[in-house]
Amino acid sequence: MTDNDEIVNPNENLIIPDWINEKYFTSVLEKDEPDHAKVLKFTTVAATKPGENFTSTMLRSYIKLEMKDGSVKTKTYIFKTMLPEERGGNDITEFGLFPKEAKMYETYLPAFEDLYKKAGWDIQLAPKCLLTEEREGKIHFIFEDLCVKRFGNIDRTKGLDMEHMTASLHKLAEYHAASAVYEELHGPYPSEFNEGFVKRDLKKFHIDGFKQKEKAYKKAMLSWGMKEAEKYVKEFPTADQYWAQCLSTLDLDPLEFHVLNHGDFWSSNMMTTYLPNGSLDQLILIDFQLVKWGSPAMDLLFFLTLSPEHDLRIKEFDHFVRIYWERLIECLKVLKLKQSLPKLRDLQNSINKKQNSFYAVFSITNHLPIILFPTDKDSNLHNIIAETEEGENLRLRLVSNPAFGNVMKDLYPFLYNREQYRKICLESLEVDSKDFNVLTHGDFSASNILYKYDEKGNVSEALLLDFQLGKWGSPAQDLLMMIIISAEKDLRYKEFDNFVRIYWEYLIDCLTLLKYEKPFPQLREMQSAIYKKNNTLYAVFAVMNHLPGHLLPSSQESNLHNLQSKEEIGRKYRVRSYTNPTFVEIIRELYPFCCNRGLFNFEDFE
C-alpha cells in the first residue's frame, strides 16, 4: 500500500470510532508480525456494504508496516464490534450475541477443527480470530482478513447455484457433526446456547417486531401475483400465534438428533475462494452469534428458504436435505459418534415439526425481504425497526420489491402446504397408536374411482370401488399410493404437499360434521406421518408394482398372474413394464424425488 493506493470504503455513512487506531492493534501486531519495526500508515474503513450486516459494525484496517530489515509490508485485519446504542445496539445487547460468539471463537470452533485434525482430516470451519476482548461493556474481535487469501462474499441478491449450495451444505454438515460429537464427549453446552433468535424473556421485542412488519407484509401479499392471496392474508398468523411459534423453538424433542445450529446460516455468513478456472475452491463460515442447540432442521429450513437460486429453491428442496444428510453421516462416522446415526426420513420429519417451523416463517418475514433488496444506505437495523413514517415506508418497500414478490408468489404457497409455516412389509403392519388412524382403502388410485361429470365436463361426484385391501392405519398410506400412482406428471412433485393439504382440509370438515370427539390431526402431523417407515412401503409398492402396470397399454398379458409369474412370460412382461418409455420418463424424476424425501431409505430396515 503506497500513499497513492486507493482504499475503497463500501459504506461512507458508517461512523468509525476514534479509538480504533494503530495503538489498539499493538498486541495483535506483536504476535502476528513480530518482525515489524513501526507502523507507517493506519487506515480503517467499512468492511461491508449497507444491508450486509445488521447486528455488528464490521471494519477493515489497513496497516502499512516497516519491517526490521527495512522492507515495507501491508497487513489488513477485520475488526468487529457491537452496534452503537442509538443505532440498534441496545436491542442486540439484550440478545447476548457477542458473549456467545466470543465463546465460539475462543473455545468451541478451535475444538471442532481439532476433532477433525485428530481424525486425519484438515477442515477449516471459520476464520482465525486473533483477539477477543471486552472494553467498557462492549466485546470486540480482530480477525485475519480473508480477502488477502482471495476469500470474498457471495452476492446475496442472486442466490446460490447448485455448486455453491452443495459446498455450503457440506460445510454446514461438517460443523454440525463436530458440534454433536463434542457434546457427546464433553457434555452440554452453556445454558445460553439453548436460545437463539428467540429469547423467552424478550416477548415484547418479538411481538412488537412482528406487529411492525404485519401491516406492510399483508398489503404486499396482494401484489405478488400469488393465487388465493386473499386466503393467505386471512390466515396470516396473529401476534399471539407468532409468539407461540417462537416459544415452540425452545421445546426440544429428546429423541431427536441434535447439533449446535449456526442459527443465522445464509449466503452472507460464508466466504468463498475460487480456482483459476472459476470453480469453487474453499468455503468457510462466519458470524456465530446466534448458535443454538437443537435439530439441524432449524439451520436447514433457514438456509433452504433464504439462499438458493430462485429456480432451485423449491425444485431441489428435498434433494438439498439429502445432500446435507449424506455429508453429515460421512462426518459423524469419521468422528466416531457413539449414538445412533440420524436417518434421512427422521431429518425430513423434523423439518415438518412445529418447533422448527419458526425458522421458515422468520426467514420469509424478516431476512428474505432484506436479502433481495438492492444495497441502500437506508438498509440498516435502526431504520427497519424505526417507529416512524420513514420506517414504515422502508418496510413496505422491502416486501413490495418485485424481486421479492417474484420469489414469494411460489415460495409462500410451498411453505404453507408443508405447514412450516420383507422387513419393510412387516413394518407396514405396525400402527402408531399416537397417530391419527383410519380404515385405509389400501389400493387407492384412479382405477378404483368412478367419476361423474357435469355438462361443462367438470367432476361433480366420485365414488370408490374395490374395498378388498382395507387396513387400519395412517391415512398417509392411501395418500402415498394415490399421489404417486394417479397424479399427472407435472403435478406429482409440484403439488405433492398441496395434495396432502387438500385432503387434510376436507378431512377436518368431515370430522367436524360427524362430531369427532378426539383431537383433530394437525397438517404437520399428516406430513410427518408420510415419512414414518411404517408407511413408506406404500411409496415403494406404488413405484415397483402399480405404476408400471398403470402406464403400460392394455393387452391380454396385463394381469396379476403374469406380473408375478416366474416363467418366461412373466419375465418379459416385467421387462416391458419397467422399460416402457412412459414409465421411464416419469420414474426418472419420481425415483430421486422419493429418495430425497427419505421414502426409499432401505437401510432403516436392516
Foldseek 3Di string as FASTA:
>chain_A
DDPPDDDDAQFPPDDDDPVPWPVVCVVLCCVPPVQFDDWDDKDKHFPDFFLLDFFKGKMKIWTWTQGNVRDIDIFIKIKIKGDPVLQVRVVSVVLVQVVQVVCCLVPPQVQLQVLCVVLVDRDHAAFHWRDWDADPNMIMTITGDCVVVVKDADQLQFFDEPQVLLQLLLSQLSQFLSQLLCCVVPNDDDPSQLFFPADPVPLVVQLLLCVLLLVLQLVLLVVLPAPPSVVCSVVPDHSVVLVVLSVLLSDADPVARKGFHLRQDERSQKIWHADPVGHTDDMHGHRSRGTHIHQNLQVLLLHLLRGHGLVCSQLCSLVSLVSSLVSNVVNNVSSVDPDDRDASLSNLLVNLDSSRLSSNVCNLRPPRLSSNDPRDSQNYPSLCSDPDPSNSVVSSCSSNPNSSSNSCSQVVVVCVLSCSCVLLQVLLQDADPVADKDFEQQQDEPVQKDFDADPVRHTDDIDGHDSPGTDIHANLQNLLLHLLAHDDLVCSRSCSSVVLVVVLVVVVVVCVVVVPPDDRDDSSSNVSVNSDSSRLVSNVCNLQPPRLLVPDPDDPLSDPCLCPDPDPSNVVVSVCSCPVVVSCVRCVSVVVVCVSSNSPPCVVSD
